[in-house]
Amino acid sequence: MSWTDDRLDDFRDRVDQRFDRVDQRFDRVDQRIDRVEQKVDDLRGEMHAEFRAMHRTMLGGFITLFATMLGVMATIVTQV
């Protein structure tokens, strides 16, 4: 079967339309990826804040535990 110039032009136009649709879909995918990246960045910031709060809590607990141990040891030493 031979292809006429008109048929080749039609074929080219259809291929161009399909690539235009693919480009649009990639644009939508890019937008979704940008939103996901933003959410990940937001969560990363929240996680850092949570870890800082946990660090402060643990530090306070260790200081309290250490002070209690010193108090118990002082009591034992003074009783001996």
N, C-alpha and C. Protein backbone atom coordinates (compact mmCIF):
# COMPACT_ATOMS: atom_id res chain seq x y z
N MET A 1 0.85 -1.17 0.00
CA MET A 1 0.00 0.00 0.00
C MET A 1 0.90 1.23 0.00
N SER A 2 0.59 2.13 -0.83
CA SER A 2 1.42 3.33 -0.91
C SER A 2 0.80 4.45 -0.08
N TRP A 3 1.69 5.26 0.46
CA TRP A 3 1.24 6.38 1.29
C TRP A 3 1.31 7.65 0.47
N THR A 4 0.21 8.36 0.43
CA THR A 4 0.20 9.64 -0.28
C THR A 4 0.71 10.72 0.67
N ASP A 5 0.99 11.84 0.11
CA ASP A 5 1.44 12.96 0.94
C ASP A 5 0.38 13.36 1.97
N ASP A 6 -0.88 13.31 1.55
CA ASP A 6 -1.97 13.66 2.48
C ASP A 6 -2.03 12.67 3.64
N ARG A 7 -1.88 11.41 3.33
CA ARG A 7 -1.91 10.40 4.41
C ARG A 7 -0.72 10.56 5.34
N LEU A 8 0.43 10.85 4.78
CA LEU A 8 1.60 11.08 5.63
C LEU A 8 1.40 12.31 6.51
N ASP A 9 0.79 13.35 5.96
CA ASP A 9 0.51 14.55 6.75
C ASP A 9 -0.46 14.23 7.88
N ASP A 10 -1.49 13.45 7.56
CA ASP A 10 -2.46 13.05 8.60
C ASP A 10 -1.77 12.23 9.69
N PHE A 11 -0.92 11.33 9.26
CA PHE A 11 -0.19 10.50 10.22
C PHE A 11 0.69 11.37 11.12
N ARG A 12 1.39 12.29 10.54
CA ARG A 12 2.24 13.20 11.31
C ARG A 12 1.42 14.00 12.32
N ASP A 13 0.26 14.49 11.87
CA ASP A 13 -0.61 15.27 12.75
C ASP A 13 -1.09 14.42 13.93
N ARG A 14 -1.45 13.17 13.66
CA ARG A 14 -1.91 12.29 14.75
C ARG A 14 -0.77 12.00 15.72
N VAL A 15 0.41 11.78 15.18
CA VAL A 15 1.57 11.53 16.06
C VAL A 15 1.84 12.77 16.91
N ASP A 16 1.77 13.94 16.31
CA ASP A 16 1.98 15.18 17.05
C ASP A 16 0.94 15.34 18.16
N GLN A 17 -0.31 15.03 17.84
CA GLN A 17 -1.37 15.12 18.85
C GLN A 17 -1.11 14.17 20.01
N ARG A 18 -0.69 12.98 19.69
CA ARG A 18 -0.41 12.01 20.74
C ARG A 18 0.75 12.46 21.61
N PHE A 19 1.78 13.00 21.00
CA PHE A 19 2.90 13.49 21.80
C PHE A 19 2.49 14.69 22.64
N ASP A 20 1.59 15.51 22.12
CA ASP A 20 1.08 16.63 22.91
C ASP A 20 0.35 16.11 24.15
N ARG A 21 -0.44 15.05 23.99
CA ARG A 21 -1.14 14.45 25.14
C ARG A 21 -0.15 13.85 26.13
N VAL A 22 0.89 13.22 25.62
CA VAL A 22 1.92 12.65 26.50
C VAL A 22 2.61 13.77 27.27
N ASP A 23 2.91 14.87 26.60
CA ASP A 23 3.52 16.01 27.27
C ASP A 23 2.61 16.54 28.39
N GLN A 24 1.31 16.61 28.12
CA GLN A 24 0.37 17.07 29.14
C GLN A 24 0.35 16.12 30.34
N ARG A 25 0.39 14.84 30.06
CA ARG A 25 0.40 13.87 31.16
C ARG A 25 1.68 13.99 31.97
N PHE A 26 2.80 14.19 31.32
CA PHE A 26 4.05 14.37 32.04
C PHE A 26 4.01 15.65 32.89
N ASP A 27 3.38 16.69 32.36
CA ASP A 27 3.24 17.92 33.15
C ASP A 27 2.44 17.65 34.42
N ARG A 28 1.37 16.86 34.30
CA ARG A 28 0.57 16.52 35.49
C ARG A 28 1.38 15.68 36.47
N VAL A 29 2.16 14.75 35.94
CA VAL A 29 3.01 13.92 36.81
C VAL A 29 4.05 14.80 37.52
N ASP A 30 4.63 15.74 36.80
CA ASP A 30 5.60 16.66 37.40
C ASP A 30 4.95 17.45 38.54
N GLN A 31 3.71 17.89 38.34
CA GLN A 31 3.01 18.64 39.38
C GLN A 31 2.78 17.75 40.61
N ARG A 32 2.41 16.51 40.38
CA ARG A 32 2.21 15.59 41.51
C ARG A 32 3.52 15.36 42.26
N ILE A 33 4.59 15.18 41.53
CA ILE A 33 5.89 14.96 42.17
C ILE A 33 6.28 16.19 42.98
N ASP A 34 6.01 17.37 42.46
CA ASP A 34 6.32 18.59 43.21
C ASP A 34 5.53 18.64 44.51
N ARG A 35 4.24 18.24 44.46
CA ARG A 35 3.43 18.24 45.68
C ARG A 35 3.96 17.22 46.68
N VAL A 36 4.35 16.04 46.19
CA VAL A 36 4.90 15.02 47.09
C VAL A 36 6.20 15.51 47.72
N GLU A 37 7.06 16.12 46.93
CA GLU A 37 8.31 16.64 47.47
C GLU A 37 8.05 17.69 48.54
N GLN A 38 7.04 18.54 48.33
CA GLN A 38 6.70 19.56 49.32
C GLN A 38 6.22 18.89 50.62
N LYS A 39 5.40 17.86 50.49
CA LYS A 39 4.91 17.16 51.68
C LYS A 39 6.06 16.49 52.42
N VAL A 40 6.99 15.91 51.70
CA VAL A 40 8.15 15.27 52.33
C VAL A 40 8.98 16.32 53.06
N ASP A 41 9.19 17.47 52.44
CA ASP A 41 9.94 18.55 53.10
C ASP A 41 9.23 19.00 54.37
N ASP A 42 7.90 19.13 54.31
CA ASP A 42 7.14 19.53 55.49
C ASP A 42 7.28 18.48 56.59
N LEU A 43 7.17 17.21 56.23
CA LEU A 43 7.29 16.14 57.22
C LEU A 43 8.70 16.09 57.81
N ARG A 44 9.69 16.35 56.99
CA ARG A 44 11.07 16.35 57.47
C ARG A 44 11.24 17.41 58.55
N GLY A 45 10.68 18.60 58.34
CA GLY A 45 10.75 19.67 59.32
C GLY A 45 10.03 19.28 60.61
N GLU A 46 8.86 18.64 60.47
CA GLU A 46 8.12 18.20 61.65
C GLU A 46 8.90 17.13 62.41
N MET A 47 9.54 16.22 61.69
CA MET A 47 10.32 15.17 62.34
C MET A 47 11.50 15.76 63.11
N HIS A 48 12.16 16.76 62.54
CA HIS A 48 13.27 17.39 63.24
C HIS A 48 12.79 18.04 64.53
N ALA A 49 11.63 18.68 64.48
CA ALA A 49 11.08 19.30 65.67
C ALA A 49 10.74 18.24 66.72
N GLU A 50 10.18 17.13 66.29
CA GLU A 50 9.85 16.05 67.24
C GLU A 50 11.11 15.47 67.86
N PHE A 51 12.15 15.28 67.07
CA PHE A 51 13.39 14.73 67.61
C PHE A 51 14.04 15.71 68.60
N ARG A 52 13.96 17.01 68.30
CA ARG A 52 14.50 17.99 69.24
C ARG A 52 13.74 17.94 70.56
N ALA A 53 12.42 17.84 70.49
CA ALA A 53 11.60 17.76 71.71
C ALA A 53 11.92 16.48 72.49
N MET A 54 12.08 15.38 71.78
CA MET A 54 12.41 14.11 72.44
C MET A 54 13.79 14.20 73.09
N HIS A 55 14.72 14.86 72.42
CA HIS A 55 16.07 15.03 72.95
C HIS A 55 16.02 15.82 74.27
N ARG A 56 15.27 16.91 74.28
CA ARG A 56 15.14 17.71 75.50
C ARG A 56 14.52 16.89 76.63
N THR A 57 13.49 16.12 76.32
CA THR A 57 12.82 15.30 77.33
C THR A 57 13.78 14.25 77.89
N MET A 58 14.50 13.57 77.00
CA MET A 58 15.45 12.55 77.46
C MET A 58 16.56 13.17 78.30
N LEU A 59 17.06 14.32 77.88
CA LEU A 59 18.12 14.98 78.62
C LEU A 59 17.63 15.35 80.03
N GLY A 60 16.43 15.88 80.11
CA GLY A 60 15.86 16.19 81.42
C GLY A 60 15.70 14.94 82.27
N GLY A 61 15.28 13.85 81.68
CA GLY A 61 15.14 12.59 82.41
C GLY A 61 16.48 12.07 82.91
N PHE A 62 17.50 12.14 82.08
CA PHE A 62 18.83 11.67 82.50
C PHE A 62 19.39 12.53 83.63
N ILE A 63 19.19 13.84 83.53
CA ILE A 63 19.66 14.72 84.59
C ILE A 63 18.94 14.40 85.90
N THR A 64 17.63 14.19 85.83
CA THR A 64 16.86 13.85 87.02
C THR A 64 17.32 12.52 87.60
N LEU A 65 17.54 11.53 86.74
CA LEU A 65 18.02 10.22 87.19
C LEU A 65 19.39 10.34 87.84
N PHE A 66 20.27 11.10 87.25
CA PHE A 66 21.62 11.28 87.79
C PHE A 66 21.56 11.98 89.15
N ALA A 67 20.73 13.02 89.26
CA ALA A 67 20.60 13.74 90.53
C ALA A 67 20.02 12.83 91.61
N THR A 68 19.07 11.99 91.25
CA THR A 68 18.49 11.05 92.21
C THR A 68 19.54 10.06 92.68
N MET A 69 20.33 9.55 91.75
CA MET A 69 21.38 8.60 92.12
C MET A 69 22.40 9.26 93.05
N LEU A 70 22.76 10.51 92.77
CA LEU A 70 23.69 11.22 93.65
C LEU A 70 23.09 11.40 95.04
N GLY A 71 21.80 11.70 95.10
CA GLY A 71 21.13 11.86 96.38
C GLY A 71 21.12 10.57 97.18
N VAL A 72 20.83 9.46 96.50
CA VAL A 72 20.82 8.15 97.18
C VAL A 72 22.23 7.82 97.66
N MET A 73 23.22 8.06 96.83
CA MET A 73 24.61 7.76 97.23
C MET A 73 25.02 8.64 98.40
N ALA A 74 24.62 9.91 98.40
CA ALA A 74 24.95 10.81 99.52
C ALA A 74 24.29 10.33 100.80
N THR A 75 23.06 9.86 100.68
CA THR A 75 22.35 9.35 101.86
C THR A 75 23.05 8.12 102.41
N ILE A 76 23.48 7.24 101.52
CA ILE A 76 24.18 6.02 101.96
C ILE A 76 25.50 6.38 102.62
N VAL A 77 26.24 7.31 102.07
CA VAL A 77 27.55 7.70 102.61
C VAL A 77 27.37 8.34 103.99
N THR A 78 26.36 9.15 104.15
CA THR A 78 26.17 9.80 105.44
C THR A 78 25.65 8.87 106.51
N GLN A 79 25.06 7.76 106.14
CA GLN A 79 24.53 6.77 107.08
C GLN A 79 25.60 5.81 107.54
N VAL A 80 26.68 5.72 106.84
CA VAL A 80 27.72 4.76 107.17
C VAL A 80 28.65 5.28 108.22
